[in-house]
């Protein structure tokens, strides 16, 4: 994620970059040492999308300050 945004790793702390989900459970996070998007919680498709054929789990990346 950091590479895709053209930022350096210190920007994770300095710019307040965070990943948020629509649900109360935060399934994704940014790895502090690599800047990679990683799973933060176990994702159980059967629990999240019981009767839905196409299961989509949305999240947003929040970056404080100007880009």
C-alpha atoms as a PDB file:
ATOM      1  CA  UNK A   1       0.000   0.000   0.000  1.00  0.00           C
ATOM      2  CA  UNK A   2       2.775   2.410   0.908  1.00  0.00           C
ATOM      3  CA  UNK A   3       4.496   1.688  -2.418  1.00  0.00           C
ATOM      4  CA  UNK A   4       1.244   2.124  -4.363  1.00  0.00           C
ATOM      5  CA  UNK A   5       0.717   5.525  -2.740  1.00  0.00           C
ATOM      6  CA  UNK A   6       4.301   6.573  -3.436  1.00  0.00           C
ATOM      7  CA  UNK A   7       5.082   7.060   0.257  1.00  0.00           C
ATOM      8  CA  UNK A   8       7.930   5.981   2.529  1.00  0.00           C
ATOM      9  CA  UNK A   9       7.463   3.682   5.532  1.00  0.00           C
ATOM     10  CA  UNK A  10       7.768   6.475   8.150  1.00  0.00           C
ATOM     11  CA  UNK A  11       4.626   7.966   6.589  1.00  0.00           C
ATOM     12  CA  UNK A  12       2.575   5.155   8.171  1.00  0.00           C
ATOM     13  CA  UNK A  13       3.063   6.839  11.538  1.00  0.00           C
ATOM     14  CA  UNK A  14       3.536  10.440  10.452  1.00  0.00           C
ATOM     15  CA  UNK A  15       0.478  10.651   8.177  1.00  0.00           C
ATOM     16  CA  UNK A  16      -1.926   8.649  10.346  1.00  0.00           C
ATOM     17  CA  UNK A  17      -2.580   6.037   7.653  1.00  0.00           C
ATOM     18  CA  UNK A  18      -5.137   3.431   8.723  1.00  0.00           C
ATOM     19  CA  UNK A  19      -7.507   0.854   7.270  1.00  0.00           C
ATOM     20  CA  UNK A  20     -11.174   0.892   8.309  1.00  0.00           C
ATOM     21  CA  UNK A  21     -14.016  -1.500   7.503  1.00  0.00           C
ATOM     22  CA  UNK A  22     -17.765  -0.990   7.244  1.00  0.00           C
ATOM     23  CA  UNK A  23     -18.212  -3.543  10.019  1.00  0.00           C
ATOM     24  CA  UNK A  24     -17.227  -3.258  13.675  1.00  0.00           C
ATOM     25  CA  UNK A  25     -14.580  -5.940  13.149  1.00  0.00           C
ATOM     26  CA  UNK A  26     -11.452  -4.587  11.487  1.00  0.00           C
ATOM     27  CA  UNK A  27     -10.390  -7.413   9.157  1.00  0.00           C
ATOM     28  CA  UNK A  28      -7.411  -5.629   7.600  1.00  0.00           C
ATOM     29  CA  UNK A  29      -4.403  -3.662   8.840  1.00  0.00           C
ATOM     30  CA  UNK A  30      -1.182  -2.188   7.516  1.00  0.00           C
ATOM     31  CA  UNK A  31       1.997  -3.994   8.542  1.00  0.00           C
ATOM     32  CA  UNK A  32       4.123  -1.342  10.254  1.00  0.00           C
ATOM     33  CA  UNK A  33       7.502  -2.589   8.981  1.00  0.00           C
ATOM     34  CA  UNK A  34       6.582  -3.419   5.372  1.00  0.00           C
ATOM     35  CA  UNK A  35       3.577  -1.255   4.517  1.00  0.00           C
ATOM     36  CA  UNK A  36       1.733  -4.343   3.236  1.00  0.00           C
ATOM     37  CA  UNK A  37      -2.008  -4.798   3.619  1.00  0.00           C
ATOM     38  CA  UNK A  38      -2.513  -7.836   5.893  1.00  0.00           C
ATOM     39  CA  UNK A  39      -5.433  -9.636   7.504  1.00  0.00           C
ATOM     40  CA  UNK A  40      -5.928  -8.590  11.107  1.00  0.00           C
ATOM     41  CA  UNK A  41      -8.748 -10.997  11.934  1.00  0.00           C
ATOM     42  CA  UNK A  42      -9.869 -14.394  10.705  1.00  0.00           C
ATOM     43  CA  UNK A  43     -12.252 -13.951   7.749  1.00  0.00           C
ATOM     44  CA  UNK A  44     -15.053 -16.537   7.806  1.00  0.00           C
ATOM     45  CA  UNK A  45     -16.942 -16.387   4.511  1.00  0.00           C
ATOM     46  CA  UNK A  46     -19.746 -18.635   5.799  1.00  0.00           C
ATOM     47  CA  UNK A  47     -20.374 -16.273   8.692  1.00  0.00           C
ATOM     48  CA  UNK A  48     -20.136 -13.051   6.657  1.00  0.00           C
ATOM     49  CA  UNK A  49     -22.000 -14.062   3.494  1.00  0.00           C
ATOM     50  CA  UNK A  50     -24.182 -17.061   4.298  1.00  0.00           C
ATOM     51  CA  UNK A  51     -26.587 -16.951   1.358  1.00  0.00           C
ATOM     52  CA  UNK A  52     -24.762 -14.576  -0.964  1.00  0.00           C
ATOM     53  CA  UNK A  53     -22.951 -16.012  -3.985  1.00  0.00           C
ATOM     54  CA  UNK A  54     -20.601 -13.053  -4.444  1.00  0.00           C
ATOM     55  CA  UNK A  55     -19.058 -12.099  -1.103  1.00  0.00           C
ATOM     56  CA  UNK A  56     -17.461  -8.645  -0.893  1.00  0.00           C
ATOM     57  CA  UNK A  57     -15.706  -7.265   2.155  1.00  0.00           C
ATOM     58  CA  UNK A  58     -15.099  -3.548   1.765  1.00  0.00           C
ATOM     59  CA  UNK A  59     -12.522  -1.433   3.538  1.00  0.00           C
ATOM     60  CA  UNK A  60     -11.140   2.066   3.151  1.00  0.00           C
ATOM     61  CA  UNK A  61      -7.661   3.460   3.513  1.00  0.00           C
ATOM     62  CA  UNK A  62      -7.602   6.742   5.423  1.00  0.00           C
ATOM     63  CA  UNK A  63      -4.584   9.012   4.882  1.00  0.00           C
ATOM     64  CA  UNK A  64      -4.369  12.234   6.860  1.00  0.00           C
ATOM     65  CA  UNK A  65      -2.861  15.315   5.242  1.00  0.00           C
ATOM     66  CA  UNK A  66      -2.316  16.215   1.619  1.00  0.00           C
ATOM     67  CA  UNK A  67      -1.288  13.654  -1.015  1.00  0.00           C
END
